[in-house]
Amino acid sequence: MRPDRSKLVVIDDLALDEQDKFKWTWKEGGAITLADVGDPRDLDGQHVCVFDAAEQVVARFDLPPGGTCGTKPCWQQTSSRIAYNDPTVSSDGVRKMTLRLGAAGIPKIAFKAQGLDTPDLPMPVSLPLTIELQRPTGQCWSATYTSETVPVNSLKPMIGHTLGAAGVLELTGSILGMRGGFVPPTLNYQEPDPSCNLNVVGGQAREQRIGVLLSTKSAFGGANVAIVARRV
């Protein structure tokens, strides 16, 4: 999911918790200085919180100040960035976090947690969802993901009802869009329902880099399937 220039990837493996992953990148762009983030090597730890639509915390990742991760200090700080690196993932599964500092347009957050200790999000994830990096003194940097940020389309108006071939044709078209950097359009989509805030791609294809897509199929007799494809 991507609001503006941020990206969120959540993988909750029901069979193998060690495969769980939570990855978040933030590129919203306001200026961030060393004074804003403090010194995490001493007193200013950070944490990443996930809020649901009711603004309730549904997951929290703590990055404690100071400390040693493996044989090296957990935190590194320079004039242009702060970084947390824990190969042992001992705190809430947090593997690493980097916050790049600078003038507007330069700052970036890259956060990754993985493994057994990663906090579980309620699945399936319900939108809107807000991810926020917080400093104990109050500063925070966040991104909110809503249904309006996820493009939705249907190829059926383009290819018709091909019965047994429908699923594979629509999936093929979606993967071709992923490879080509665009979302195929939903033909004949002319009057959006004001009560439905889905981000429907209508009229013409939309240029967009696609990292992951979900293709759902509903067939006669109650046969339903959902297929996830990811760029590698």
Protein backbone atom coordinates (compact mmCIF):
# COMPACT_ATOMS: atom_id res chain seq x y z
CA MET A 1 0.00 0.00 0.00
CA ARG A 2 1.27 3.47 -0.89
CA PRO A 3 -0.07 6.84 0.23
CA ASP A 4 1.84 9.43 -1.78
CA ARG A 5 5.49 8.26 -1.60
CA SER A 6 5.28 5.95 1.41
CA LYS A 7 5.01 2.17 1.32
CA LEU A 8 3.77 -0.49 3.71
CA VAL A 9 4.23 -4.25 3.42
CA VAL A 10 2.76 -6.64 6.02
CA ILE A 11 3.31 -10.41 5.78
CA ASP A 12 1.63 -12.55 8.44
CA ASP A 13 2.50 -16.19 7.80
CA LEU A 14 -0.07 -18.26 9.70
CA ALA A 15 2.03 -21.41 9.44
CA LEU A 16 5.54 -20.04 10.10
CA ASP A 17 5.71 -17.03 12.41
CA GLU A 18 9.43 -16.70 11.72
CA GLN A 19 8.42 -15.60 8.21
CA ASP A 20 6.36 -12.66 9.49
CA LYS A 21 7.50 -9.28 8.18
CA PHE A 22 6.55 -5.64 8.67
CA LYS A 23 8.24 -3.12 6.36
CA TRP A 24 7.53 0.58 6.20
CA THR A 25 9.15 3.37 4.21
CA TRP A 26 8.23 7.03 4.61
CA LYS A 27 9.08 9.81 2.16
CA GLU A 28 6.52 12.46 2.96
CA GLY A 29 9.10 15.19 2.84
CA GLY A 30 9.12 17.71 5.75
CA ALA A 31 12.48 18.92 7.09
CA ILE A 32 13.96 16.88 9.99
CA THR A 33 17.00 17.90 12.05
CA LEU A 34 19.11 16.26 14.76
CA ALA A 35 17.31 18.43 17.29
CA ASP A 36 14.01 16.87 16.20
CA VAL A 37 15.15 13.29 16.80
CA GLY A 38 17.41 13.76 19.84
CA ASP A 39 20.21 11.33 20.66
CA PRO A 40 18.98 7.70 20.65
CA ARG A 41 22.40 6.52 21.81
CA ASP A 42 21.58 7.92 25.25
CA LEU A 43 18.05 8.88 26.27
CA ASP A 44 15.89 9.27 23.18
CA GLY A 45 14.61 5.86 22.11
CA GLN A 46 11.97 5.65 19.42
CA HIS A 47 8.92 3.52 18.78
CA VAL A 48 6.73 2.75 15.80
CA CYS A 49 2.99 2.52 16.43
CA VAL A 50 0.18 1.24 14.21
CA PHE A 51 -3.24 2.87 14.70
CA ASP A 52 -6.61 1.62 13.42
CA ALA A 53 -9.57 3.69 12.23
CA ALA A 54 -10.59 4.38 15.85
CA GLU A 55 -7.05 5.70 16.56
CA GLN A 56 -6.38 2.73 18.84
CA VAL A 57 -2.90 1.22 18.89
CA VAL A 58 -3.05 -2.26 17.33
CA ALA A 59 0.72 -2.87 17.23
CA ARG A 60 3.81 -1.25 18.73
CA PHE A 61 7.51 -1.73 18.03
CA ASP A 62 9.99 -0.40 20.61
CA LEU A 63 13.49 0.79 19.72
CA PRO A 64 15.06 1.32 23.17
CA PRO A 65 17.81 3.92 23.60
CA GLY A 66 21.48 2.94 23.80
CA GLY A 67 22.30 -0.71 24.27
CA THR A 68 24.31 -3.31 22.40
CA CYS A 69 22.88 -5.47 19.63
CA GLY A 70 25.09 -8.49 19.19
CA THR A 71 28.60 -7.12 19.54
CA LYS A 72 27.98 -3.55 18.31
CA PRO A 73 26.01 -0.53 19.56
CA CYS A 74 22.37 -0.70 18.46
CA TRP A 75 22.33 2.97 17.44
CA GLN A 76 24.55 4.96 15.10
CA GLN A 77 24.23 8.70 14.61
CA THR A 78 25.82 11.09 12.12
CA SER A 79 25.00 14.62 10.98
CA SER A 80 22.75 13.23 8.24
CA ARG A 81 21.01 10.23 9.80
CA ILE A 82 20.26 8.05 12.79
CA ALA A 83 20.17 4.28 12.42
CA TYR A 84 19.12 1.31 14.57
CA ASN A 85 20.46 -2.12 13.64
CA ASP A 86 19.73 -5.30 15.60
CA PRO A 87 20.63 -8.59 13.88
CA THR A 88 19.25 -10.44 16.93
CA VAL A 89 15.76 -8.84 16.49
CA SER A 90 15.48 -8.88 20.29
CA SER A 91 13.02 -5.97 20.64
CA ASP A 92 9.61 -6.67 19.07
CA GLY A 93 11.29 -8.24 16.05
CA VAL A 94 12.80 -4.91 14.97
CA ARG A 95 15.66 -5.61 12.56
CA LYS A 96 16.58 -2.09 11.50
CA MET A 97 15.42 1.48 11.21
CA THR A 98 17.07 4.35 9.39
CA LEU A 99 15.95 7.97 9.54
CA ARG A 100 17.62 10.24 7.00
CA LEU A 101 17.79 13.89 8.05
CA GLY A 102 17.77 17.05 5.97
CA ALA A 103 15.75 19.83 4.39
CA ALA A 104 12.25 19.33 3.00
CA GLY A 105 12.17 16.54 0.42
CA ILE A 106 15.28 14.77 1.74
CA PRO A 107 14.13 12.95 4.91
CA LYS A 108 13.27 9.27 4.65
CA ILE A 109 12.38 6.53 7.13
CA ALA A 110 13.07 2.86 6.40
CA PHE A 111 11.82 0.43 9.05
CA LYS A 112 11.81 -3.37 9.11
CA ALA A 113 10.70 -5.94 11.67
CA GLN A 114 10.64 -9.71 11.19
CA GLY A 115 10.34 -13.06 12.89
CA LEU A 116 8.61 -14.65 15.84
CA ASP A 117 8.52 -11.56 18.07
CA THR A 118 6.92 -9.28 15.48
CA PRO A 119 3.62 -7.94 16.89
CA ASP A 120 0.61 -9.39 15.09
CA LEU A 121 -1.76 -7.04 13.32
CA PRO A 122 -5.45 -7.99 13.24
CA MET A 123 -5.86 -9.80 9.93
CA PRO A 124 -7.21 -9.03 7.46
CA VAL A 125 -5.94 -5.48 7.88
CA SER A 126 -8.80 -2.96 7.99
CA LEU A 127 -8.27 0.50 6.54
CA PRO A 128 -7.61 3.29 7.34
CA LEU A 129 -4.34 2.39 9.02
CA THR A 130 -1.80 4.92 10.33
CA ILE A 131 1.89 4.15 10.89
CA GLU A 132 3.79 6.56 13.10
CA LEU A 133 7.41 6.86 14.23
CA GLN A 134 7.37 8.57 17.62
CA ARG A 135 9.94 10.15 19.91
CA PRO A 136 9.06 10.08 23.64
CA THR A 137 9.19 13.90 23.77
CA GLY A 138 6.33 14.19 21.30
CA GLN A 139 7.75 14.54 17.79
CA CYS A 140 6.29 12.08 15.27
CA TRP A 141 6.30 11.26 11.58
CA SER A 142 3.40 9.33 10.07
CA ALA A 143 1.57 8.07 7.01
CA THR A 144 -2.08 7.02 6.73
CA TYR A 145 -3.24 4.28 4.38
CA THR A 146 -6.88 4.29 3.24
CA SER A 147 -8.91 2.43 0.65
CA GLU A 148 -8.52 5.51 -1.54
CA THR A 149 -4.78 4.85 -1.83
CA VAL A 150 -5.27 1.32 -3.24
CA PRO A 151 -6.19 1.25 -6.95
CA VAL A 152 -9.03 -1.13 -7.90
CA ASN A 153 -9.92 -2.34 -11.39
CA SER A 154 -11.73 -5.03 -13.35
CA LEU A 155 -10.79 -6.44 -16.75
CA LYS A 156 -14.13 -8.16 -17.30
CA PRO A 157 -15.63 -5.18 -19.21
CA MET A 158 -12.67 -5.42 -21.58
CA ILE A 159 -12.58 -9.18 -22.24
CA GLY A 160 -16.17 -10.19 -21.50
CA HIS A 161 -17.24 -13.27 -19.56
CA THR A 162 -14.93 -16.04 -20.75
CA LEU A 163 -16.21 -18.63 -18.24
CA GLY A 164 -13.42 -21.04 -17.34
CA ALA A 165 -10.74 -18.83 -18.90
CA ALA A 166 -11.76 -15.65 -17.03
CA GLY A 167 -9.49 -16.11 -14.04
CA VAL A 168 -6.29 -16.80 -15.94
CA LEU A 169 -6.96 -14.02 -18.48
CA GLU A 170 -7.59 -11.39 -15.82
CA LEU A 171 -4.55 -12.49 -13.81
CA THR A 172 -2.41 -12.38 -16.96
CA GLY A 173 -3.61 -8.87 -17.75
CA SER A 174 -2.86 -7.73 -14.21
CA ILE A 175 0.66 -9.19 -14.27
CA LEU A 176 1.31 -7.54 -17.64
CA GLY A 177 0.27 -4.26 -16.03
CA MET A 178 2.67 -4.92 -13.15
CA ARG A 179 5.51 -5.55 -15.59
CA GLY A 180 4.64 -2.50 -17.68
CA GLY A 181 4.18 -0.10 -14.77
CA PHE A 182 0.47 0.60 -15.19
CA VAL A 183 -2.96 -0.37 -13.82
CA PRO A 184 -5.34 -1.52 -16.60
CA PRO A 185 -8.59 0.48 -16.79
CA THR A 186 -12.13 -0.57 -15.95
CA LEU A 187 -14.01 0.16 -19.16
CA ASN A 188 -17.50 1.73 -19.02
CA TYR A 189 -16.95 2.95 -15.46
CA GLN A 190 -18.67 6.33 -15.65
CA GLU A 191 -20.72 7.11 -12.53
CA PRO A 192 -18.90 6.52 -9.22
CA ASP A 193 -21.11 5.72 -6.24
CA PRO A 194 -20.57 8.61 -3.77
CA SER A 195 -21.02 6.21 -0.84
CA CYS A 196 -18.20 3.96 -2.10
CA ASN A 197 -14.73 5.46 -1.67
CA LEU A 198 -12.83 2.84 -3.67
CA ASN A 199 -10.09 4.18 -5.90
CA VAL A 200 -11.42 2.69 -9.16
CA VAL A 201 -9.21 3.06 -12.23
CA GLY A 202 -11.65 3.94 -15.01
CA GLY A 203 -11.45 5.31 -18.51
CA GLN A 204 -7.78 4.74 -19.26
CA ALA A 205 -4.79 2.98 -17.79
CA ARG A 206 -2.97 4.66 -14.91
CA GLU A 207 0.81 4.78 -14.79
CA GLN A 208 1.90 3.32 -11.46
CA ARG A 209 4.65 1.02 -10.25
CA ILE A 210 3.02 -2.10 -8.77
CA GLY A 211 4.91 -4.19 -6.24
CA VAL A 212 2.09 -6.50 -5.13
CA LEU A 213 -1.33 -7.21 -6.60
CA LEU A 214 -4.37 -9.14 -5.38
CA SER A 215 -6.59 -10.83 -7.96
CA THR A 216 -9.97 -12.11 -6.73
CA LYS A 217 -12.30 -14.48 -8.59
CA SER A 218 -15.91 -15.45 -7.90
CA ALA A 219 -17.32 -18.29 -9.99
CA PHE A 220 -20.57 -20.20 -10.33
CA GLY A 221 -21.47 -22.49 -7.47
CA GLY A 222 -19.68 -20.44 -4.82
CA ALA A 223 -16.17 -21.20 -6.04
CA ASN A 224 -14.02 -18.27 -4.87
CA VAL A 225 -10.28 -17.72 -4.97
CA ALA A 226 -7.80 -14.91 -4.26
CA ILE A 227 -4.31 -14.89 -5.77
CA VAL A 228 -1.47 -12.62 -4.65
CA ALA A 229 1.34 -11.86 -7.10
CA ARG A 230 4.50 -9.98 -6.12
CA ARG A 231 7.27 -8.39 -8.15
CA VAL A 232 10.63 -10.17 -7.70
